[in-house]
């Protein structure tokens, strides 16, 4: 039967080529759309690494005059500002609704970010970095997989304490225990580049996705935020993260900002619940995918209509052939299976060619660092959808092929 179908498809190769091209283009569009969809769904279902409920992020706007310039007052220098923010953190902690509070350079769900890299042992490791105080793990309910978070044990250390996520730990240390490992940065290649400090890993967190549910898992590294000037990266904390008691009313936000403004009138503060920040990020992530899905749906509808019309015309032109088969004893199901079988053969050829094209996507990094299982899921779903579309388009023409009695079909002009 398969050999017979292949022979029929080959004998009509000119007409079938256009159908195969339509199916191929539809398959490629489906792979792109469904891979993006699976990618976002896969990201959404992975753990964030923190708990955003009952947490407020307070953005601090302050001046950053350079130290040692003129006669800048102590409280206006970066060191003085760090001390003032520590004082504000203690004042917030004394509020009755507050469970814990900490400072962080970039709050969860914020648009700002710090991307860094470290070269050690001849290899370069890239990661997203952040700087947080000793209470950040408690405030955000981070999951420590190994070791500990920052604490008093790191005071006066000769190295920069660091907490990494499991992804970065695997990349840097493989299967070895990262806790206590000293990371000695390679000397900079040019004298104008600042030598990075020696780093010691004190803890490993399961994960941390600052950008929210749709953001991909990446390497993360946390540095400790203290009153002392940092040896690397931004110096003055820009955000407070405040965890309140469950059930705290929305009026807490106004009291929080009022308390901060009263004690630091020369600074400005903008508080926002992380629940609202998360909702805004999700709203921003959905429209691009919805737009692509709408275009894909419109294209598939057009392809479906076009494919149905082409098959309808093809079947009409083959009325005598089909009537002859009916006269020689072929049943109605036999004719329908033949038409559907020809379409499935064309679909298989088009999908095979499309699979060769899609196999180049990871090499060309069309979707960036997308996991192999996401590509595979997108391809499998695309194959299923295109086969269903082809069968649905061929069903009506196959019914048409059997609608005429054999005698009428044989004298059809």
Protein backbone atom coordinates (compact mmCIF):
# COMPACT_ATOMS: atom_id res chain seq x y z
CA UNK A 1 0.00 0.00 0.00
CA UNK A 2 2.79 2.44 0.91
CA UNK A 3 4.61 1.72 -2.35
CA UNK A 4 1.39 2.40 -4.24
CA UNK A 5 0.89 5.73 -2.44
CA UNK A 6 4.48 6.79 -3.08
CA UNK A 7 4.07 6.00 -6.77
CA UNK A 8 0.88 8.07 -7.00
CA UNK A 9 2.50 11.01 -5.18
CA UNK A 10 5.57 10.82 -7.41
CA UNK A 11 3.55 10.69 -10.63
CA UNK A 12 1.82 13.93 -9.56
CA UNK A 13 4.98 15.53 -8.19
CA UNK A 14 4.49 18.92 -9.84
CA UNK A 15 1.08 19.50 -8.31
CA UNK A 16 2.11 17.92 -5.02
CA UNK A 17 5.23 20.09 -4.73
CA UNK A 18 3.12 23.19 -4.05
CA UNK A 19 1.13 21.36 -1.39
CA UNK A 20 4.34 20.12 0.24
CA UNK A 21 5.78 23.66 0.29
CA UNK A 22 2.63 24.96 2.00
CA UNK A 23 2.87 22.24 4.62
CA UNK A 24 6.60 22.90 5.09
CA UNK A 25 6.09 26.63 5.72
CA UNK A 26 3.25 25.91 8.13
CA UNK A 27 5.44 23.43 9.99
CA UNK A 28 8.28 25.96 10.38
CA UNK A 29 5.89 28.61 11.71
CA UNK A 30 4.41 26.10 14.14
CA UNK A 31 7.85 25.10 15.41
CA UNK A 32 8.75 28.72 16.16
CA UNK A 33 5.46 29.53 17.91
CA UNK A 34 5.15 26.29 19.86
CA UNK A 35 8.81 26.31 20.90
CA UNK A 36 8.40 29.84 22.27
CA UNK A 37 5.21 28.76 24.05
CA UNK A 38 6.81 25.66 25.55
CA UNK A 39 9.84 27.74 26.54
CA UNK A 40 7.71 30.25 28.46
CA UNK A 41 5.58 27.52 30.04
CA UNK A 42 8.72 25.63 31.05
CA UNK A 43 10.14 28.77 32.65
CA UNK A 44 6.86 29.52 34.42
CA UNK A 45 6.69 26.09 36.06
CA UNK A 46 10.23 26.26 37.47
CA UNK A 47 10.73 27.56 41.02
CA UNK A 48 11.54 31.23 41.53
CA UNK A 49 13.78 30.57 44.48
CA UNK A 50 12.00 33.10 46.72
CA UNK A 51 8.55 33.98 48.10
CA UNK A 52 7.06 37.31 47.00
CA UNK A 53 3.87 37.32 49.09
CA UNK A 54 3.65 40.00 51.83
CA UNK A 55 6.85 41.66 50.60
CA UNK A 56 7.27 45.34 49.71
CA UNK A 57 10.15 46.69 47.67
CA UNK A 58 11.13 50.26 48.54
CA UNK A 59 13.14 52.11 45.92
CA UNK A 60 15.52 54.67 47.44
CA UNK A 61 16.48 57.77 45.47
CA UNK A 62 19.60 59.43 46.85
CA UNK A 63 22.48 61.55 45.68
CA UNK A 64 25.86 59.96 45.12
CA UNK A 65 28.53 62.67 45.44
CA UNK A 66 32.06 61.38 45.15
CA UNK A 67 34.06 60.97 48.34
CA UNK A 68 36.85 63.41 48.89
CA UNK A 69 35.39 66.12 46.65
CA UNK A 70 35.40 69.53 48.34
CA UNK A 71 33.84 69.60 51.80
CA UNK A 72 30.98 67.13 51.26
CA UNK A 73 29.29 66.35 54.59
CA UNK A 74 29.77 62.86 55.92
CA UNK A 75 26.11 61.92 55.51
CA UNK A 76 26.25 62.91 51.83
CA UNK A 77 29.17 60.65 50.90
CA UNK A 78 28.59 57.06 49.71
CA UNK A 79 29.92 55.74 53.04
CA UNK A 80 27.62 58.06 54.96
CA UNK A 81 24.65 57.10 52.81
CA UNK A 82 25.28 53.42 53.49
CA UNK A 83 25.27 54.13 57.21
CA UNK A 84 22.04 56.13 56.92
CA UNK A 85 20.34 53.33 55.01
CA UNK A 86 21.41 50.89 57.73
CA UNK A 87 19.78 53.21 60.27
CA UNK A 88 16.57 53.37 58.20
CA UNK A 89 16.56 49.59 57.97
CA UNK A 90 16.60 49.35 61.78
CA UNK A 91 13.77 51.90 62.02
CA UNK A 92 11.63 49.87 59.62
CA UNK A 93 12.39 46.67 61.51
CA UNK A 94 10.88 48.24 64.65
CA UNK A 95 7.47 48.66 62.97
CA UNK A 96 4.89 46.27 64.49
CA UNK A 97 3.82 44.74 61.13
CA UNK A 98 7.36 44.04 59.92
CA UNK A 99 8.80 40.53 60.11
CA UNK A 100 12.18 41.27 58.53
CA UNK A 101 13.88 43.85 56.33
CA UNK A 102 17.07 43.92 54.30
CA UNK A 103 18.84 45.88 51.61
CA UNK A 104 19.45 44.71 48.07
CA UNK A 105 20.97 46.37 45.04
CA UNK A 106 18.31 45.13 42.59
CA UNK A 107 14.93 44.05 43.97
CA UNK A 108 12.98 41.08 42.58
CA UNK A 109 10.88 41.89 39.50
CA UNK A 110 12.82 45.12 38.92
CA UNK A 111 14.05 46.09 35.47
CA UNK A 112 17.55 47.01 36.61
CA UNK A 113 20.27 44.40 36.65
CA UNK A 114 23.97 43.75 37.11
CA UNK A 115 25.69 41.32 34.76
CA UNK A 116 29.26 40.37 35.56
CA UNK A 117 31.90 37.76 34.86
CA UNK A 118 34.96 36.34 36.52
CA UNK A 119 37.98 34.79 34.84
CA UNK A 120 39.72 32.12 36.90
CA UNK A 121 41.84 29.15 35.96
CA UNK A 122 41.82 30.21 32.32
CA UNK A 123 38.02 30.08 32.06
CA UNK A 124 35.46 32.87 32.18
CA UNK A 125 32.17 32.44 34.01
CA UNK A 126 29.32 34.85 33.32
CA UNK A 127 26.54 35.47 35.81
CA UNK A 128 23.94 37.91 37.03
CA UNK A 129 25.13 39.55 40.23
CA UNK A 130 23.46 41.26 43.14
CA UNK A 131 24.51 42.67 46.49
CA UNK A 132 22.35 41.99 49.55
CA UNK A 133 22.54 42.35 53.33
CA UNK A 134 22.61 39.62 55.95
CA UNK A 135 18.81 39.43 56.35
CA UNK A 136 17.98 39.08 52.66
CA UNK A 137 17.75 35.27 52.72
CA UNK A 138 15.31 35.44 55.65
CA UNK A 139 13.28 38.25 54.13
CA UNK A 140 12.85 36.59 50.74
CA UNK A 141 12.68 33.01 52.06
CA UNK A 142 15.56 31.86 49.88
CA UNK A 143 16.22 28.12 49.82
CA UNK A 144 19.76 27.32 50.92
CA UNK A 145 20.93 24.08 49.34
CA UNK A 146 24.33 24.08 51.04
CA UNK A 147 26.35 26.22 53.40
CA UNK A 148 24.97 29.46 54.84
CA UNK A 149 23.98 33.00 54.00
CA UNK A 150 26.09 36.02 54.91
CA UNK A 151 26.57 36.78 58.59
CA UNK A 152 28.85 38.08 61.31
CA UNK A 153 31.36 35.32 60.49
CA UNK A 154 32.24 37.24 57.34
CA UNK A 155 33.22 40.45 59.18
CA UNK A 156 36.81 41.43 58.52
CA UNK A 157 37.43 38.56 56.11
CA UNK A 158 40.34 38.87 53.71
CA UNK A 159 38.14 37.68 50.85
CA UNK A 160 34.81 38.65 49.36
CA UNK A 161 32.09 36.25 50.64
CA UNK A 162 29.77 35.01 47.91
CA UNK A 163 26.62 32.94 47.62
CA UNK A 164 25.97 31.26 44.28
CA UNK A 165 23.05 29.32 42.86
CA UNK A 166 23.31 25.63 42.05
CA UNK A 167 23.58 26.30 38.33
CA UNK A 168 26.71 28.43 38.71
CA UNK A 169 28.14 26.05 41.31
CA UNK A 170 27.89 23.14 38.86
CA UNK A 171 29.48 25.18 36.09
CA UNK A 172 32.41 26.35 38.21
CA UNK A 173 33.10 23.32 40.40
CA UNK A 174 31.42 20.38 38.68
CA UNK A 175 30.54 17.67 41.16
CA UNK A 176 32.85 19.00 43.89
CA UNK A 177 31.56 20.65 47.06
CA UNK A 178 31.69 24.42 46.44
CA UNK A 179 31.42 25.45 50.10
CA UNK A 180 34.62 27.10 51.29
CA UNK A 181 36.18 27.12 47.83
CA UNK A 182 38.46 30.07 47.14
CA UNK A 183 38.11 31.66 43.72
CA UNK A 184 41.26 33.50 42.71
CA UNK A 185 40.57 35.75 39.70
CA UNK A 186 43.12 35.78 36.92
CA UNK A 187 45.16 38.99 36.57
CA UNK A 188 43.53 41.51 34.21
CA UNK A 189 44.88 41.60 30.68
CA UNK A 190 45.24 45.38 30.71
CA UNK A 191 46.43 47.74 33.43
CA UNK A 192 43.28 49.87 33.11
CA UNK A 193 41.08 46.99 34.31
CA UNK A 194 40.66 46.70 38.06
CA UNK A 195 41.83 43.47 39.69
CA UNK A 196 38.86 41.58 41.08
CA UNK A 197 39.03 40.54 44.73
CA UNK A 198 39.55 37.00 45.95
CA UNK A 199 36.17 35.38 46.47
CA UNK A 200 35.12 32.58 48.81
CA UNK A 201 31.87 30.65 48.36
CA UNK A 202 30.04 30.43 51.68
CA UNK A 203 26.65 29.18 50.50
CA UNK A 204 24.62 27.79 47.62
CA UNK A 205 20.97 28.65 46.99
CA UNK A 206 18.68 26.46 44.89
CA UNK A 207 17.87 29.21 42.40
CA UNK A 208 17.02 32.88 42.08
CA UNK A 209 15.10 34.34 39.13
CA UNK A 210 14.87 38.05 39.73
CA UNK A 211 13.00 38.72 36.49
CA UNK A 212 10.04 36.54 37.44
CA UNK A 213 8.33 33.45 36.12
CA UNK A 214 9.00 34.05 32.42
CA UNK A 215 12.71 34.75 32.89
CA UNK A 216 15.07 31.88 32.04
CA UNK A 217 17.19 30.18 34.73
CA UNK A 218 20.66 31.74 34.72
CA UNK A 219 23.81 31.83 36.81
CA UNK A 220 23.48 33.96 39.93
CA UNK A 221 26.01 35.26 42.45
CA UNK A 222 25.31 37.35 45.55
CA UNK A 223 27.88 39.60 47.22
CA UNK A 224 27.51 40.83 50.78
CA UNK A 225 26.24 44.35 51.38
CA UNK A 226 27.74 46.05 54.46
CA UNK A 227 28.44 49.56 55.71
CA UNK A 228 32.02 49.23 54.51
CA UNK A 229 32.85 50.31 50.93
CA UNK A 230 32.52 47.34 48.58
CA UNK A 231 35.50 46.07 46.62
CA UNK A 232 33.44 45.29 43.53
CA UNK A 233 30.36 46.65 41.79
CA UNK A 234 27.85 49.29 42.96
CA UNK A 235 28.31 50.55 46.46
CA UNK A 236 25.16 52.17 47.85
CA UNK A 237 22.06 49.94 48.21
CA UNK A 238 19.13 51.15 46.15
CA UNK A 239 16.30 49.06 47.59
CA UNK A 240 14.83 47.90 50.84
CA UNK A 241 12.82 44.69 50.83
CA UNK A 242 10.37 44.48 53.70
CA UNK A 243 8.44 41.35 54.68
CA UNK A 244 5.27 42.08 56.61
CA UNK A 245 3.07 39.77 58.63
CA UNK A 246 0.46 37.76 56.66
CA UNK A 247 -2.79 39.68 56.35
CA UNK A 248 -1.16 43.10 56.66
CA UNK A 249 -3.49 45.77 55.26
CA UNK A 250 -2.63 47.94 52.26
CA UNK A 251 -2.38 50.94 54.60
CA UNK A 252 0.96 49.52 55.73
CA UNK A 253 2.58 50.88 52.57
CA UNK A 254 1.63 54.49 53.42
CA UNK A 255 2.88 54.12 57.02
CA UNK A 256 6.13 52.62 55.77
CA UNK A 257 6.84 55.46 53.33
CA UNK A 258 5.82 58.08 55.91
CA UNK A 259 8.24 56.65 58.47
CA UNK A 260 11.08 56.70 55.96
CA UNK A 261 10.33 60.25 54.78
CA UNK A 262 10.16 61.51 58.35
CA UNK A 263 13.62 60.18 59.19
CA UNK A 264 15.23 60.98 55.81
CA UNK A 265 13.48 64.03 54.31
CA UNK A 266 16.31 64.59 51.83
CA UNK A 267 15.71 61.18 50.26
CA UNK A 268 12.72 59.95 48.31
CA UNK A 269 11.09 56.53 48.64
CA UNK A 270 8.71 54.60 46.42
CA UNK A 271 7.18 51.44 47.86
CA UNK A 272 5.47 48.74 45.84
CA UNK A 273 4.22 45.27 46.79
CA UNK A 274 6.03 42.54 44.91
CA UNK A 275 2.63 41.06 44.09
CA UNK A 276 1.88 44.12 41.94
CA UNK A 277 5.39 44.16 40.48
CA UNK A 278 4.95 40.51 39.51
CA UNK A 279 1.59 41.21 37.86
CA UNK A 280 3.15 44.01 35.80
CA UNK A 281 5.98 41.74 34.62
CA UNK A 282 3.53 39.01 33.62
CA UNK A 283 1.42 41.51 31.68
CA UNK A 284 4.49 42.67 29.79
CA UNK A 285 5.51 39.12 28.91
CA UNK A 286 2.20 37.89 27.51
CA UNK A 287 1.43 40.38 24.66
CA UNK A 288 4.47 39.47 22.47
CA UNK A 289 3.60 35.79 22.68
CA UNK A 290 -0.08 36.52 22.06
CA UNK A 291 0.80 38.60 18.98
CA UNK A 292 2.98 35.83 17.53
CA UNK A 293 0.31 33.24 18.29
CA UNK A 294 -2.34 35.40 16.56
CA UNK A 295 -0.20 35.77 13.44
CA UNK A 296 0.50 32.02 13.45
CA UNK A 297 -3.19 31.18 13.86
CA UNK A 298 -4.11 33.49 10.97
CA UNK A 299 -1.39 31.96 8.78
CA UNK A 300 -2.47 28.41 9.62
CA UNK A 301 -6.10 29.29 8.84
CA UNK A 302 -5.07 30.66 5.46
CA UNK A 303 -2.91 27.61 4.80
CA UNK A 304 -5.77 25.32 5.82
CA UNK A 305 -8.20 27.02 3.45
CA UNK A 306 -5.66 27.00 0.64
CA UNK A 307 -4.76 23.37 1.21
CA UNK A 308 -8.42 22.37 1.24
CA UNK A 309 -9.02 24.22 -2.03
CA UNK A 310 -6.01 22.66 -3.75
CA UNK A 311 -6.98 19.16 -2.64
CA UNK A 312 -10.57 19.77 -3.69
CA UNK A 313 -9.43 20.78 -7.18
CA UNK A 314 -7.05 17.83 -7.35
CA UNK A 315 -9.77 15.35 -6.42
CA UNK A 316 -12.17 16.92 -8.96
CA UNK A 317 -9.58 16.48 -11.71
CA UNK A 318 -9.17 12.81 -10.77
CA UNK A 319 -12.89 11.94 -10.97
CA UNK A 320 -12.40 9.37 -13.77
CA UNK A 321 -9.50 7.72 -11.97
CA UNK A 322 -11.52 7.41 -8.79
CA UNK A 323 -14.58 6.15 -10.71
CA UNK A 324 -12.45 3.47 -12.35
CA UNK A 325 -11.19 2.30 -8.96
CA UNK A 326 -14.77 2.19 -7.67
CA UNK A 327 -15.85 0.17 -10.74
CA UNK A 328 -13.06 -2.35 -10.12
CA UNK A 329 -14.28 -2.99 -6.58
CA UNK A 330 -12.69 -0.32 -4.37
CA UNK A 331 -14.96 0.59 -1.48
CA UNK A 332 -15.70 4.10 -0.20
CA UNK A 333 -13.33 3.67 2.78
CA UNK A 334 -10.61 2.52 0.35
CA UNK A 335 -10.90 5.74 -1.66
CA UNK A 336 -10.94 7.89 1.46
CA UNK A 337 -7.90 6.12 2.85
CA UNK A 338 -6.07 6.64 -0.43
CA UNK A 339 -6.68 10.40 -0.46
CA UNK A 340 -5.79 10.74 3.23
CA UNK A 341 -2.75 8.51 2.72
CA UNK A 342 -1.45 10.69 -0.12
CA UNK A 343 -1.76 13.79 2.07
CA UNK A 344 0.03 12.08 4.96
CA UNK A 345 2.87 11.06 2.61
CA UNK A 346 3.22 14.67 1.45
CA UNK A 347 3.07 15.84 5.06
CA UNK A 348 5.76 13.35 6.07
CA UNK A 349 8.08 14.54 3.30
CA UNK A 350 7.51 18.21 4.19
CA UNK A 351 8.01 17.54 7.91
CA UNK A 352 11.22 15.60 7.22
CA UNK A 353 12.63 18.55 5.27
CA UNK A 354 11.44 20.93 7.98
CA UNK A 355 13.08 18.82 10.68
CA UNK A 356 16.42 19.18 8.89
CA UNK A 357 15.97 22.97 8.89
CA UNK A 358 14.82 23.07 12.52
CA UNK A 359 17.84 20.99 13.56
CA UNK A 360 20.01 24.00 12.66
CA UNK A 361 18.20 26.29 15.15
CA UNK A 362 20.30 25.28 18.18
CA UNK A 363 23.52 25.77 16.20
CA UNK A 364 22.39 29.22 15.05
CA UNK A 365 20.99 30.02 18.55
CA UNK A 366 17.70 31.19 17.03
CA UNK A 367 16.03 31.03 20.46
CA UNK A 368 19.14 31.66 22.55
CA UNK A 369 19.98 29.21 25.32
CA UNK A 370 16.87 27.02 25.02
CA UNK A 371 17.09 23.57 26.58
CA UNK A 372 17.04 20.54 24.30
CA UNK A 373 13.83 19.22 25.83
CA UNK A 374 12.09 22.48 24.88
CA UNK A 375 13.14 22.10 21.24
CA UNK A 376 12.02 18.47 21.26
CA UNK A 377 8.64 19.31 22.80
CA UNK A 378 8.10 22.11 20.27
CA UNK A 379 8.93 19.82 17.35
CA UNK A 380 6.72 16.97 18.59
CA UNK A 381 3.76 19.31 19.13
CA UNK A 382 4.33 20.88 15.70
CA UNK A 383 4.35 17.47 13.99
CA UNK A 384 1.11 16.52 15.73
CA UNK A 385 -0.58 19.81 14.84
CA UNK A 386 0.48 19.77 11.20
CA UNK A 387 -0.67 16.18 10.76
CA UNK A 388 -4.07 17.02 12.26
CA UNK A 389 -4.31 20.10 10.03
CA UNK A 390 -3.48 18.05 6.91
CA UNK A 391 -6.00 15.34 7.77
CA UNK A 392 -8.69 17.91 8.52
CA UNK A 393 -8.05 19.67 5.19
CA UNK A 394 -8.11 16.38 3.27
CA UNK A 395 -11.29 15.02 4.89
CA UNK A 396 -13.83 17.02 2.84
CA UNK A 397 -12.09 16.33 -0.52
CA UNK A 398 -11.91 12.63 0.34
CA UNK A 399 -15.68 12.65 0.93
CA UNK A 400 -16.15 14.41 -2.40
CA UNK A 401 -14.17 11.68 -4.15
CA UNK A 402 -16.77 9.09 -3.15
CA UNK A 403 -19.91 11.16 -3.64
CA UNK A 404 -20.46 10.23 -7.31
CA UNK A 405 -21.65 6.75 -8.37
CA UNK A 406 -19.03 4.80 -10.40
CA UNK A 407 -21.12 4.90 -13.62
CA UNK A 408 -21.44 8.69 -13.55
CA UNK A 409 -17.79 9.14 -12.61
CA UNK A 410 -16.63 7.07 -15.62
CA UNK A 411 -18.49 9.32 -18.09
CA UNK A 412 -17.60 12.52 -16.23
CA UNK A 413 -16.32 15.33 -18.49
